[in-house]
Amino acid sequence: MNVLFVCSQNRLRSLTAETVFHGLGGHQVRSAGTESGARVRVTAGHVGWADLIFIMEKRHLHRLQTKIREEIAGKRIICLHIPDDYEYMDEELIDRLRTGVAEYVDFDEATG
């Protein structure tokens, strides 16, 4: 499964998710941001590649709908409701990410 994590700047939340889940469970993981100054800005190509998209806040969905509405049509997009209150690789952020995705994706290291 190809999993995309999206936040605003792709420097803290989504980049942490990509780092934590990279190579686990046999899944491919990428991350991107919705803002013009993002480290990696989300594109139609990212969305087309992804089987599942996790956004950190509802506002990220609104930005995707504004910028690439046609490409996100029919895509499974899940909001993790994680505010921009964390630093890169913050332990609490990692816990919230693991808890949030567990219901949707098996990132069990043993299967990867």
C-alpha atoms as a PDB file:
ATOM      1  CA  MET A   1       0.000   0.000   0.000  1.00  0.00           C
ATOM      2  CA  ASN A   2       1.193   3.523  -0.799  1.00  0.00           C
ATOM      3  CA  VAL A   3       0.540   5.907   2.101  1.00  0.00           C
ATOM      4  CA  LEU A   4       0.825   9.700   1.909  1.00  0.00           C
ATOM      5  CA  PHE A   5       0.993  11.942   4.979  1.00  0.00           C
ATOM      6  CA  VAL A   6       0.087  15.611   4.504  1.00  0.00           C
ATOM      7  CA  CYS A   7       0.556  18.623   6.770  1.00  0.00           C
ATOM      8  CA  SER A   8       1.257  22.299   6.088  1.00  0.00           C
ATOM      9  CA  GLN A   9       5.030  22.658   5.750  1.00  0.00           C
ATOM     10  CA  ASN A  10       6.210  19.016   5.547  1.00  0.00           C
ATOM     11  CA  ARG A  11       8.830  19.767   8.186  1.00  0.00           C
ATOM     12  CA  LEU A  12       7.364  18.422  11.449  1.00  0.00           C
ATOM     13  CA  ARG A  13       4.211  16.277  11.492  1.00  0.00           C
ATOM     14  CA  SER A  14       4.104  14.614   8.072  1.00  0.00           C
ATOM     15  CA  LEU A  15       7.891  14.324   7.892  1.00  0.00           C
ATOM     16  CA  THR A  16       7.873  12.621  11.301  1.00  0.00           C
ATOM     17  CA  ALA A  17       5.212  10.210  10.026  1.00  0.00           C
ATOM     18  CA  GLU A  18       7.266   9.410   6.931  1.00  0.00           C
ATOM     19  CA  THR A  19      10.358   8.805   9.072  1.00  0.00           C
ATOM     20  CA  VAL A  20       8.537   6.633  11.631  1.00  0.00           C
ATOM     21  CA  PHE A  21       6.623   4.455   9.165  1.00  0.00           C
ATOM     22  CA  HIS A  22       9.186   4.244   6.341  1.00  0.00           C
ATOM     23  CA  GLY A  23       9.786   0.627   5.357  1.00  0.00           C
ATOM     24  CA  LEU A  24       7.377  -0.868   7.886  1.00  0.00           C
ATOM     25  CA  GLY A  25       4.795  -3.494   7.005  1.00  0.00           C
ATOM     26  CA  GLY A  26       5.857  -3.565   3.373  1.00  0.00           C
ATOM     27  CA  HIS A  27       4.164  -0.207   2.728  1.00  0.00           C
ATOM     28  CA  GLN A  28       5.601   2.701   0.777  1.00  0.00           C
ATOM     29  CA  VAL A  29       5.368   6.021   2.643  1.00  0.00           C
ATOM     30  CA  ARG A  30       5.776   9.608   1.462  1.00  0.00           C
ATOM     31  CA  SER A  31       4.985  12.989   2.935  1.00  0.00           C
ATOM     32  CA  ALA A  32       4.212  16.441   1.590  1.00  0.00           C
ATOM     33  CA  GLY A  33       2.860  19.830   2.631  1.00  0.00           C
ATOM     34  CA  THR A  34       0.042  22.007   1.377  1.00  0.00           C
ATOM     35  CA  GLU A  35       1.770  25.405   1.671  1.00  0.00           C
ATOM     36  CA  SER A  36       3.886  27.118  -0.975  1.00  0.00           C
ATOM     37  CA  GLY A  37       6.910  27.093   1.355  1.00  0.00           C
ATOM     38  CA  ALA A  38       6.638  23.388   2.161  1.00  0.00           C
ATOM     39  CA  ARG A  39       9.786  21.256   2.119  1.00  0.00           C
ATOM     40  CA  VAL A  40       8.005  19.025  -0.416  1.00  0.00           C
ATOM     41  CA  ARG A  41       4.777  20.477  -1.770  1.00  0.00           C
ATOM     42  CA  VAL A  42       1.927  18.054  -2.422  1.00  0.00           C
ATOM     43  CA  THR A  43       1.178  17.513  -6.101  1.00  0.00           C
ATOM     44  CA  ALA A  44      -1.342  15.643  -8.200  1.00  0.00           C
ATOM     45  CA  GLY A  45       1.397  13.035  -8.665  1.00  0.00           C
ATOM     46  CA  HIS A  46       1.605  12.399  -4.917  1.00  0.00           C
ATOM     47  CA  VAL A  47      -2.158  11.985  -4.726  1.00  0.00           C
ATOM     48  CA  GLY A  48      -2.267   9.711  -7.767  1.00  0.00           C
ATOM     49  CA  TRP A  49       0.463   7.517  -6.251  1.00  0.00           C
ATOM     50  CA  ALA A  50      -1.272   7.204  -2.859  1.00  0.00           C
ATOM     51  CA  ASP A  51      -3.709   4.456  -1.963  1.00  0.00           C
ATOM     52  CA  LEU A  52      -4.439   6.158   1.360  1.00  0.00           C
ATOM     53  CA  ILE A  53      -3.896   9.757   2.444  1.00  0.00           C
ATOM     54  CA  PHE A  54      -3.596  10.930   6.034  1.00  0.00           C
ATOM     55  CA  ILE A  55      -4.032  14.635   6.691  1.00  0.00           C
ATOM     56  CA  MET A  56      -3.149  16.218  10.008  1.00  0.00           C
ATOM     57  CA  GLU A  57      -5.995  18.769  10.162  1.00  0.00           C
ATOM     58  CA  LYS A  58      -9.262  19.380   8.317  1.00  0.00           C
ATOM     59  CA  ARG A  59      -7.820  22.542   6.768  1.00  0.00           C
ATOM     60  CA  HIS A  60      -5.430  20.351   4.780  1.00  0.00           C
ATOM     61  CA  LEU A  61      -8.401  18.695   3.082  1.00  0.00           C
ATOM     62  CA  HIS A  62      -9.780  22.122   2.153  1.00  0.00           C
ATOM     63  CA  ARG A  63      -6.420  23.053   0.620  1.00  0.00           C
ATOM     64  CA  LEU A  64      -6.300  19.820  -1.355  1.00  0.00           C
ATOM     65  CA  GLN A  65      -9.856  20.405  -2.567  1.00  0.00           C
ATOM     66  CA  THR A  66      -8.885  23.905  -3.685  1.00  0.00           C
ATOM     67  CA  LYS A  67      -5.671  22.921  -5.451  1.00  0.00           C
ATOM     68  CA  ILE A  68      -6.249  19.411  -6.824  1.00  0.00           C
ATOM     69  CA  ARG A  69      -9.943  18.661  -6.476  1.00  0.00           C
ATOM     70  CA  GLU A  70     -10.165  16.245  -9.413  1.00  0.00           C
ATOM     71  CA  GLU A  71      -7.153  14.221  -8.305  1.00  0.00           C
ATOM     72  CA  ILE A  72      -8.464  13.642  -4.772  1.00  0.00           C
ATOM     73  CA  ALA A  73     -11.908  12.564  -5.976  1.00  0.00           C
ATOM     74  CA  GLY A  74     -12.481   8.981  -4.853  1.00  0.00           C
ATOM     75  CA  LYS A  75      -9.344   8.888  -2.694  1.00  0.00           C
ATOM     76  CA  ARG A  76      -9.533   7.657   0.875  1.00  0.00           C
ATOM     77  CA  ILE A  77      -8.498  10.601   3.052  1.00  0.00           C
ATOM     78  CA  ILE A  78      -8.363  10.346   6.837  1.00  0.00           C
ATOM     79  CA  CYS A  79      -7.911  13.284   9.186  1.00  0.00           C
ATOM     80  CA  LEU A  80      -5.743  12.488  12.213  1.00  0.00           C
ATOM     81  CA  HIS A  81      -6.695  15.729  14.044  1.00  0.00           C
ATOM     82  CA  ILE A  82      -3.113  16.452  15.080  1.00  0.00           C
ATOM     83  CA  PRO A  83      -2.483  20.179  15.610  1.00  0.00           C
ATOM     84  CA  ASP A  84       0.770  21.895  14.700  1.00  0.00           C
ATOM     85  CA  ASP A  85       2.014  21.754  18.307  1.00  0.00           C
ATOM     86  CA  TYR A  86       4.936  19.351  17.951  1.00  0.00           C
ATOM     87  CA  GLU A  87       8.567  19.325  16.934  1.00  0.00           C
ATOM     88  CA  TYR A  88      10.037  16.825  14.484  1.00  0.00           C
ATOM     89  CA  MET A  89      10.186  13.326  16.049  1.00  0.00           C
ATOM     90  CA  ASP A  90       8.461  14.462  19.269  1.00  0.00           C
ATOM     91  CA  GLU A  91       7.555  11.325  21.271  1.00  0.00           C
ATOM     92  CA  GLU A  92       3.978  12.484  21.880  1.00  0.00           C
ATOM     93  CA  LEU A  93       3.564  13.183  18.154  1.00  0.00           C
ATOM     94  CA  ILE A  94       4.884   9.705  17.331  1.00  0.00           C
ATOM     95  CA  ASP A  95       2.410   8.163  19.798  1.00  0.00           C
ATOM     96  CA  ARG A  96      -0.472  10.122  18.275  1.00  0.00           C
ATOM     97  CA  LEU A  97       0.553   9.084  14.769  1.00  0.00           C
ATOM     98  CA  ARG A  98       0.826   5.410  15.684  1.00  0.00           C
ATOM     99  CA  THR A  99      -2.534   5.464  17.438  1.00  0.00           C
ATOM    100  CA  GLY A 100      -4.210   7.379  14.612  1.00  0.00           C
ATOM    101  CA  VAL A 101      -3.064   5.154  11.767  1.00  0.00           C
ATOM    102  CA  ALA A 102      -3.375   1.794  13.559  1.00  0.00           C
ATOM    103  CA  GLU A 103      -7.059   1.472  12.684  1.00  0.00           C
ATOM    104  CA  TYR A 104      -6.348   1.903   8.961  1.00  0.00           C
ATOM    105  CA  VAL A 105      -2.890   0.483   8.184  1.00  0.00           C
ATOM    106  CA  ASP A 106      -0.889  -2.349   9.666  1.00  0.00           C
ATOM    107  CA  PHE A 107       2.626  -0.977  10.022  1.00  0.00           C
ATOM    108  CA  ASP A 108       3.715  -4.020  12.054  1.00  0.00           C
ATOM    109  CA  GLU A 109       7.505  -4.202  11.726  1.00  0.00           C
ATOM    110  CA  ALA A 110       7.437  -8.005  11.768  1.00  0.00           C
ATOM    111  CA  THR A 111       5.691  -8.101   8.387  1.00  0.00           C
ATOM    112  CA  GLY A 112       8.014  -5.569   6.765  1.00  0.00           C
END
